[in-house]
Amino acid sequence: LTGSIGMGKSTTARLFADMGCAVWDADAAVHRMY
């Protein structure tokens, strides 16, 4: 799942999660590492 800044990627990821998909977030992974 990709797109440019501000295009609604995080919201779209949540919609996939609502449909039972497992979701991994690259930004959240970096946040954990930092």
All heavy atoms as atom14 arrays in JSON, in Angstrom:
{
  "sequence": "LTGSIGMGKSTTARLFADMGCAVWDADAAVHRMY",
  "atom14_mask": [
    [1, 1, 1, 1, 1, 1, 1, 1, 0, 0, 0, 0, 0, 0],
    [1, 1, 1, 1, 1, 1, 1, 0, 0, 0, 0, 0, 0, 0],
    [1, 1, 1, 1, 0, 0, 0, 0, 0, 0, 0, 0, 0, 0],
    [1, 1, 1, 1, 1, 1, 0, 0, 0, 0, 0, 0, 0, 0],
    [1, 1, 1, 1, 1, 1, 1, 1, 0, 0, 0, 0, 0, 0],
    [1, 1, 1, 1, 0, 0, 0, 0, 0, 0, 0, 0, 0, 0],
    [1, 1, 1, 1, 1, 1, 1, 1, 0, 0, 0, 0, 0, 0],
    [1, 1, 1, 1, 0, 0, 0, 0, 0, 0, 0, 0, 0, 0],
    [1, 1, 1, 1, 1, 1, 1, 1, 1, 0, 0, 0, 0, 0],
    [1, 1, 1, 1, 1, 1, 0, 0, 0, 0, 0, 0, 0, 0],
    [1, 1, 1, 1, 1, 1, 1, 0, 0, 0, 0, 0, 0, 0],
    [1, 1, 1, 1, 1, 1, 1, 0, 0, 0, 0, 0, 0, 0],
    [1, 1, 1, 1, 1, 0, 0, 0, 0, 0, 0, 0, 0, 0],
    [1, 1, 1, 1, 1, 1, 1, 1, 1, 1, 1, 0, 0, 0],
    [1, 1, 1, 1, 1, 1, 1, 1, 0, 0, 0, 0, 0, 0],
    [1, 1, 1, 1, 1, 1, 1, 1, 1, 1, 1, 0, 0, 0],
    [1, 1, 1, 1, 1, 0, 0, 0, 0, 0, 0, 0, 0, 0],
    [1, 1, 1, 1, 1, 1, 1, 1, 0, 0, 0, 0, 0, 0],
    [1, 1, 1, 1, 1, 1, 1, 1, 0, 0, 0, 0, 0, 0],
    [1, 1, 1, 1, 0, 0, 0, 0, 0, 0, 0, 0, 0, 0],
    [1, 1, 1, 1, 1, 1, 0, 0, 0, 0, 0, 0, 0, 0],
    [1, 1, 1, 1, 1, 0, 0, 0, 0, 0, 0, 0, 0, 0],
    [1, 1, 1, 1, 1, 1, 1, 0, 0, 0, 0, 0, 0, 0],
    [1, 1, 1, 1, 1, 1, 1, 1, 1, 1, 1, 1, 1, 1],
    [1, 1, 1, 1, 1, 1, 1, 1, 0, 0, 0, 0, 0, 0],
    [1, 1, 1, 1, 1, 0, 0, 0, 0, 0, 0, 0, 0, 0],
    [1, 1, 1, 1, 1, 1, 1, 1, 0, 0, 0, 0, 0, 0],
    [1, 1, 1, 1, 1, 0, 0, 0, 0, 0, 0, 0, 0, 0],
    [1, 1, 1, 1, 1, 0, 0, 0, 0, 0, 0, 0, 0, 0],
    [1, 1, 1, 1, 1, 1, 1, 0, 0, 0, 0, 0, 0, 0],
    [1, 1, 1, 1, 1, 1, 1, 1, 1, 1, 0, 0, 0, 0],
    [1, 1, 1, 1, 1, 1, 1, 1, 1, 1, 1, 0, 0, 0],
    [1, 1, 1, 1, 1, 1, 1, 1, 0, 0, 0, 0, 0, 0],
    [1, 1, 1, 1, 1, 1, 1, 1, 1, 1, 1, 1, 0, 0]
  ],
  "atom14_positions": [
    [[0.87, -1.19, 0.0], [0.0, 0.0, 0.0], [0.89, 1.23, 0.0], [1.74, 1.39, 0.88], [-0.89, -0.01, 1.24], [-1.76, 1.23, 1.48], [-2.78, 1.43, 0.37], [-2.47, 1.15, 2.83], [0.0, 0.0, 0.0], [0.0, 0.0, 0.0], [0.0, 0.0, 0.0], [0.0, 0.0, 0.0], [0.0, 0.0, 0.0], [0.0, 0.0, 0.0]],
    [[0.72, 2.07, -1.01], [1.59, 3.25, -1.11], [0.8, 4.45, -1.61], [-0.39, 4.36, -1.87], [2.82, 2.94, -2.0], [3.8, 3.95, -1.8], [2.45, 2.84, -3.49], [0.0, 0.0, 0.0], [0.0, 0.0, 0.0], [0.0, 0.0, 0.0], [0.0, 0.0, 0.0], [0.0, 0.0, 0.0], [0.0, 0.0, 0.0], [0.0, 0.0, 0.0]],
    [[1.49, 5.56, -1.73], [0.89, 6.82, -2.16], [1.78, 7.93, -1.68], [2.78, 7.67, -1.02], [0.0, 0.0, 0.0], [0.0, 0.0, 0.0], [0.0, 0.0, 0.0], [0.0, 0.0, 0.0], [0.0, 0.0, 0.0], [0.0, 0.0, 0.0], [0.0, 0.0, 0.0], [0.0, 0.0, 0.0], [0.0, 0.0, 0.0], [0.0, 0.0, 0.0]],
    [[1.45, 9.14, -2.0], [2.26, 10.26, -1.55], [1.7, 10.86, -0.27], [0.58, 10.55, 0.12], [2.35, 11.32, -2.67], [2.99, 10.76, -3.79], [0.0, 0.0, 0.0], [0.0, 0.0, 0.0], [0.0, 0.0, 0.0], [0.0, 0.0, 0.0], [0.0, 0.0, 0.0], [0.0, 0.0, 0.0], [0.0, 0.0, 0.0], [0.0, 0.0, 0.0]],
    [[2.47, 11.73, 0.34], [2.09, 12.36, 1.61], [0.7, 13.0, 1.51], [0.38, 13.65, 0.52], [3.16, 13.41, 2.02], [2.8, 14.04, 3.37], [3.37, 14.47, 0.93], [3.88, 14.92, 3.95], [0.0, 0.0, 0.0], [0.0, 0.0, 0.0], [0.0, 0.0, 0.0], [0.0, 0.0, 0.0], [0.0, 0.0, 0.0], [0.0, 0.0, 0.0]],
    [[-0.12, 12.76, 2.55], [-1.42, 13.41, 2.63], [-2.51, 12.87, 1.73], [-3.55, 13.49, 1.56], [0.0, 0.0, 0.0], [0.0, 0.0, 0.0], [0.0, 0.0, 0.0], [0.0, 0.0, 0.0], [0.0, 0.0, 0.0], [0.0, 0.0, 0.0], [0.0, 0.0, 0.0], [0.0, 0.0, 0.0], [0.0, 0.0, 0.0], [0.0, 0.0, 0.0]],
    [[-2.26, 11.7, 1.14], [-3.25, 11.15, 0.19], [-4.22, 10.15, 0.81], [-5.06, 9.6, 0.12], [-2.54, 10.54, -1.01], [-1.91, 11.58, -1.89], [-1.68, 11.03, -3.57], [-1.39, 12.59, -4.41], [0.0, 0.0, 0.0], [0.0, 0.0, 0.0], [0.0, 0.0, 0.0], [0.0, 0.0, 0.0], [0.0, 0.0, 0.0], [0.0, 0.0, 0.0]],
    [[-4.09, 9.92, 2.12], [-5.06, 9.06, 2.78], [-4.63, 7.61, 2.94], [-5.45, 6.71, 3.07], [0.0, 0.0, 0.0], [0.0, 0.0, 0.0], [0.0, 0.0, 0.0], [0.0, 0.0, 0.0], [0.0, 0.0, 0.0], [0.0, 0.0, 0.0], [0.0, 0.0, 0.0], [0.0, 0.0, 0.0], [0.0, 0.0, 0.0], [0.0, 0.0, 0.0]],
    [[-3.33, 7.4, 2.96], [-2.8, 6.02, 3.06], [-3.13, 5.38, 4.41], [-3.56, 4.23, 4.46], [-1.28, 6.07, 2.85], [-0.67, 4.8, 2.36], [0.73, 5.0, 1.83], [1.55, 6.0, 2.61], [1.61, 5.76, 4.05], [0.0, 0.0, 0.0], [0.0, 0.0, 0.0], [0.0, 0.0, 0.0], [0.0, 0.0, 0.0], [0.0, 0.0, 0.0]],
    [[-2.93, 6.13, 5.49], [-3.19, 5.58, 6.83], [-4.67, 5.23, 7.0], [-5.02, 4.19, 7.55], [-2.78, 6.57, 7.91], [-1.39, 6.82, 7.82], [0.0, 0.0, 0.0], [0.0, 0.0, 0.0], [0.0, 0.0, 0.0], [0.0, 0.0, 0.0], [0.0, 0.0, 0.0], [0.0, 0.0, 0.0], [0.0, 0.0, 0.0], [0.0, 0.0, 0.0]],
    [[-5.54, 6.11, 6.49], [-6.98, 5.85, 6.56], [-7.33, 4.61, 5.75], [-8.12, 3.76, 6.18], [-7.76, 7.07, 6.02], [-7.39, 8.21, 6.8], [-9.25, 6.87, 6.09], [0.0, 0.0, 0.0], [0.0, 0.0, 0.0], [0.0, 0.0, 0.0], [0.0, 0.0, 0.0], [0.0, 0.0, 0.0], [0.0, 0.0, 0.0], [0.0, 0.0, 0.0]],
    [[-6.74, 4.49, 4.57], [-6.99, 3.32, 3.7], [-6.49, 2.05, 4.37], [-7.15, 1.0, 4.31], [-6.34, 3.53, 2.32], [-6.82, 4.76, 1.76], [-6.66, 2.38, 1.37], [0.0, 0.0, 0.0], [0.0, 0.0, 0.0], [0.0, 0.0, 0.0], [0.0, 0.0, 0.0], [0.0, 0.0, 0.0], [0.0, 0.0, 0.0], [0.0, 0.0, 0.0]],
    [[-5.35, 2.13, 5.04], [-4.81, 0.97, 5.77], [-5.81, 0.52, 6.83], [-6.04, -0.69, 7.01], [-3.47, 1.31, 6.41], [0.0, 0.0, 0.0], [0.0, 0.0, 0.0], [0.0, 0.0, 0.0], [0.0, 0.0, 0.0], [0.0, 0.0, 0.0], [0.0, 0.0, 0.0], [0.0, 0.0, 0.0], [0.0, 0.0, 0.0], [0.0, 0.0, 0.0]],
    [[-6.44, 1.47, 7.53], [-7.44, 1.13, 8.55], [-8.65, 0.43, 7.92], [-9.24, -0.47, 8.5], [-7.88, 2.37, 9.34], [-6.87, 2.82, 10.37], [-7.46, 3.81, 11.38], [-7.87, 5.06, 10.78], [-7.04, 6.08, 10.54], [-5.76, 5.99, 10.86], [-7.49, 7.2, 10.0], [0.0, 0.0, 0.0], [0.0, 0.0, 0.0], [0.0, 0.0, 0.0]],
    [[-9.03, 0.85, 6.71], [-10.16, 0.22, 6.02], [-9.83, -1.24, 5.69], [-10.69, -2.12, 5.81], [-10.5, 0.99, 4.74], [-11.05, 2.41, 4.94], [-11.21, 3.11, 3.59], [-12.39, 2.38, 5.68], [0.0, 0.0, 0.0], [0.0, 0.0, 0.0], [0.0, 0.0, 0.0], [0.0, 0.0, 0.0], [0.0, 0.0, 0.0], [0.0, 0.0, 0.0]],
    [[-8.57, -1.5, 5.29], [-8.15, -2.89, 5.05], [-8.19, -3.7, 6.35], [-8.63, -4.83, 6.37], [-6.74, -2.93, 4.44], [-6.71, -2.73, 2.94], [-6.26, -1.55, 2.38], [-7.14, -3.74, 2.08], [-6.25, -1.36, 1.0], [-7.12, -3.57, 0.71], [-6.68, -2.38, 0.15], [0.0, 0.0, 0.0], [0.0, 0.0, 0.0], [0.0, 0.0, 0.0]],
    [[-7.75, -3.07, 7.44], [-7.78, -3.75, 8.75], [-9.21, -4.08, 9.15], [-9.49, -5.16, 9.67], [-7.11, -2.87, 9.81], [0.0, 0.0, 0.0], [0.0, 0.0, 0.0], [0.0, 0.0, 0.0], [0.0, 0.0, 0.0], [0.0, 0.0, 0.0], [0.0, 0.0, 0.0], [0.0, 0.0, 0.0], [0.0, 0.0, 0.0], [0.0, 0.0, 0.0]],
    [[-10.14, -3.15, 8.86], [-11.56, -3.37, 9.17], [-12.11, -4.59, 8.43], [-13.07, -5.21, 8.87], [-12.4, -2.14, 8.79], [-12.15, -0.94, 9.69], [-11.51, -1.12, 10.75], [-12.55, 0.17, 9.32], [0.0, 0.0, 0.0], [0.0, 0.0, 0.0], [0.0, 0.0, 0.0], [0.0, 0.0, 0.0], [0.0, 0.0, 0.0], [0.0, 0.0, 0.0]],
    [[-11.49, -4.93, 7.3], [-11.95, -6.07, 6.5], [-11.19, -7.36, 6.84], [-11.23, -8.33, 6.1], [-11.83, -5.75, 5.01], [-12.76, -4.62, 4.61], [-13.27, -4.71, 2.9], [-14.15, -6.25, 2.83], [0.0, 0.0, 0.0], [0.0, 0.0, 0.0], [0.0, 0.0, 0.0], [0.0, 0.0, 0.0], [0.0, 0.0, 0.0], [0.0, 0.0, 0.0]],
    [[-10.46, -7.32, 7.96], [-9.8, -8.54, 8.44], [-8.4, -8.77, 7.9], [-7.84, -9.86, 8.07], [0.0, 0.0, 0.0], [0.0, 0.0, 0.0], [0.0, 0.0, 0.0], [0.0, 0.0, 0.0], [0.0, 0.0, 0.0], [0.0, 0.0, 0.0], [0.0, 0.0, 0.0], [0.0, 0.0, 0.0], [0.0, 0.0, 0.0], [0.0, 0.0, 0.0]],
    [[-7.83, -7.77, 7.25], [-6.45, -7.89, 6.77], [-5.48, -7.55, 7.9], [-5.79, -6.71, 8.75], [-6.19, -6.94, 5.59], [-7.28, -7.17, 4.19], [0.0, 0.0, 0.0], [0.0, 0.0, 0.0], [0.0, 0.0, 0.0], [0.0, 0.0, 0.0], [0.0, 0.0, 0.0], [0.0, 0.0, 0.0], [0.0, 0.0, 0.0], [0.0, 0.0, 0.0]],
    [[-4.32, -8.18, 7.9], [-3.26, -7.8, 8.84], [-2.53, -6.61, 8.23], [-2.26, -6.61, 7.03], [-2.3, -8.97, 9.04], [0.0, 0.0, 0.0], [0.0, 0.0, 0.0], [0.0, 0.0, 0.0], [0.0, 0.0, 0.0], [0.0, 0.0, 0.0], [0.0, 0.0, 0.0], [0.0, 0.0, 0.0], [0.0, 0.0, 0.0], [0.0, 0.0, 0.0]],
    [[-2.24, -5.59, 9.02], [-1.61, -4.38, 8.47], [-0.29, -4.08, 9.18], [-0.24, -4.04, 10.4], [-2.56, -3.16, 8.57], [-1.85, -1.89, 8.07], [-3.83, -3.39, 7.77], [0.0, 0.0, 0.0], [0.0, 0.0, 0.0], [0.0, 0.0, 0.0], [0.0, 0.0, 0.0], [0.0, 0.0, 0.0], [0.0, 0.0, 0.0], [0.0, 0.0, 0.0]],
    [[0.75, -3.87, 8.37], [2.07, -3.46, 8.88], [2.35, -2.05, 8.37], [2.16, -1.76, 7.19], [3.14, -4.44, 8.39], [4.53, -4.11, 8.85], [5.11, -4.46, 10.03], [5.53, -3.37, 8.13], [6.4, -3.98, 10.09], [6.69, -3.31, 8.95], [5.55, -2.74, 6.88], [7.86, -2.65, 8.54], [6.72, -2.08, 6.47], [7.85, -2.06, 7.31]],
    [[2.82, -1.19, 9.26], [3.03, 0.22, 8.94], [4.52, 0.55, 9.05], [5.1, 0.47, 10.14], [2.19, 1.05, 9.92], [2.29, 2.54, 9.7], [3.35, 3.03, 9.25], [1.32, 3.25, 10.02], [0.0, 0.0, 0.0], [0.0, 0.0, 0.0], [0.0, 0.0, 0.0], [0.0, 0.0, 0.0], [0.0, 0.0, 0.0], [0.0, 0.0, 0.0]],
    [[5.13, 0.92, 7.93], [6.58, 1.21, 7.91], [6.93, 2.37, 8.85], [7.93, 2.3, 9.58], [7.03, 1.54, 6.48], [0.0, 0.0, 0.0], [0.0, 0.0, 0.0], [0.0, 0.0, 0.0], [0.0, 0.0, 0.0], [0.0, 0.0, 0.0], [0.0, 0.0, 0.0], [0.0, 0.0, 0.0], [0.0, 0.0, 0.0], [0.0, 0.0, 0.0]],
    [[6.11, 3.43, 8.85], [6.39, 4.58, 9.72], [6.31, 4.19, 11.2], [7.12, 4.63, 12.01], [5.4, 5.73, 9.44], [5.69, 6.42, 8.11], [6.82, 6.28, 7.6], [4.79, 7.1, 7.58], [0.0, 0.0, 0.0], [0.0, 0.0, 0.0], [0.0, 0.0, 0.0], [0.0, 0.0, 0.0], [0.0, 0.0, 0.0], [0.0, 0.0, 0.0]],
    [[5.33, 3.34, 11.53], [5.19, 2.89, 12.92], [6.39, 2.03, 13.32], [6.86, 2.09, 14.46], [3.9, 2.1, 13.09], [0.0, 0.0, 0.0], [0.0, 0.0, 0.0], [0.0, 0.0, 0.0], [0.0, 0.0, 0.0], [0.0, 0.0, 0.0], [0.0, 0.0, 0.0], [0.0, 0.0, 0.0], [0.0, 0.0, 0.0], [0.0, 0.0, 0.0]],
    [[6.89, 1.23, 12.37], [8.07, 0.39, 12.65], [9.28, 1.27, 12.97], [10.01, 1.01, 13.93], [8.37, -0.52, 11.46], [0.0, 0.0, 0.0], [0.0, 0.0, 0.0], [0.0, 0.0, 0.0], [0.0, 0.0, 0.0], [0.0, 0.0, 0.0], [0.0, 0.0, 0.0], [0.0, 0.0, 0.0], [0.0, 0.0, 0.0], [0.0, 0.0, 0.0]],
    [[9.48, 2.33, 12.18], [10.59, 3.26, 12.43], [10.4, 3.94, 13.79], [11.36, 4.09, 14.56], [10.72, 4.31, 11.3], [11.75, 5.38, 11.65], [11.09, 3.63, 9.99], [0.0, 0.0, 0.0], [0.0, 0.0, 0.0], [0.0, 0.0, 0.0], [0.0, 0.0, 0.0], [0.0, 0.0, 0.0], [0.0, 0.0, 0.0], [0.0, 0.0, 0.0]],
    [[9.17, 4.3, 14.08], [8.86, 4.95, 15.36], [9.26, 4.04, 16.53], [9.86, 4.5, 17.51], [7.36, 5.27, 15.42], [7.02, 6.25, 16.5], [7.25, 7.6, 16.38], [6.48, 6.06, 17.74], [6.87, 8.2, 17.5], [6.4, 7.3, 18.33], [0.0, 0.0, 0.0], [0.0, 0.0, 0.0], [0.0, 0.0, 0.0], [0.0, 0.0, 0.0]],
    [[8.95, 2.74, 16.42], [9.33, 1.78, 17.47], [10.86, 1.7, 17.61], [11.39, 1.64, 18.71], [8.81, 0.37, 17.12], [7.34, 0.17, 17.35], [6.95, -1.3, 17.34], [7.31, -2.01, 16.13], [6.58, -2.03, 15.01], [5.46, -1.35, 14.96], [6.98, -2.73, 13.96], [0.0, 0.0, 0.0], [0.0, 0.0, 0.0], [0.0, 0.0, 0.0]],
    [[11.55, 1.71, 16.48], [13.01, 1.6, 16.5], [13.68, 2.84, 17.07], [14.78, 2.77, 17.6], [13.53, 1.35, 15.08], [13.22, -0.05, 14.61], [13.38, -0.19, 12.83], [12.42, -1.66, 12.57], [0.0, 0.0, 0.0], [0.0, 0.0, 0.0], [0.0, 0.0, 0.0], [0.0, 0.0, 0.0], [0.0, 0.0, 0.0], [0.0, 0.0, 0.0]],
    [[13.0, 3.99, 16.94], [13.54, 5.25, 17.44], [13.16, 5.5, 18.91], [13.65, 6.43, 19.52], [13.01, 6.43, 16.61], [13.72, 6.63, 15.28], [14.71, 5.76, 14.83], [13.39, 7.71, 14.45], [15.35, 5.96, 13.62], [14.03, 7.92, 13.24], [15.0, 7.05, 12.82], [15.64, 7.25, 11.62], [0.0, 0.0, 0.0], [0.0, 0.0, 0.0]]
  ]
}
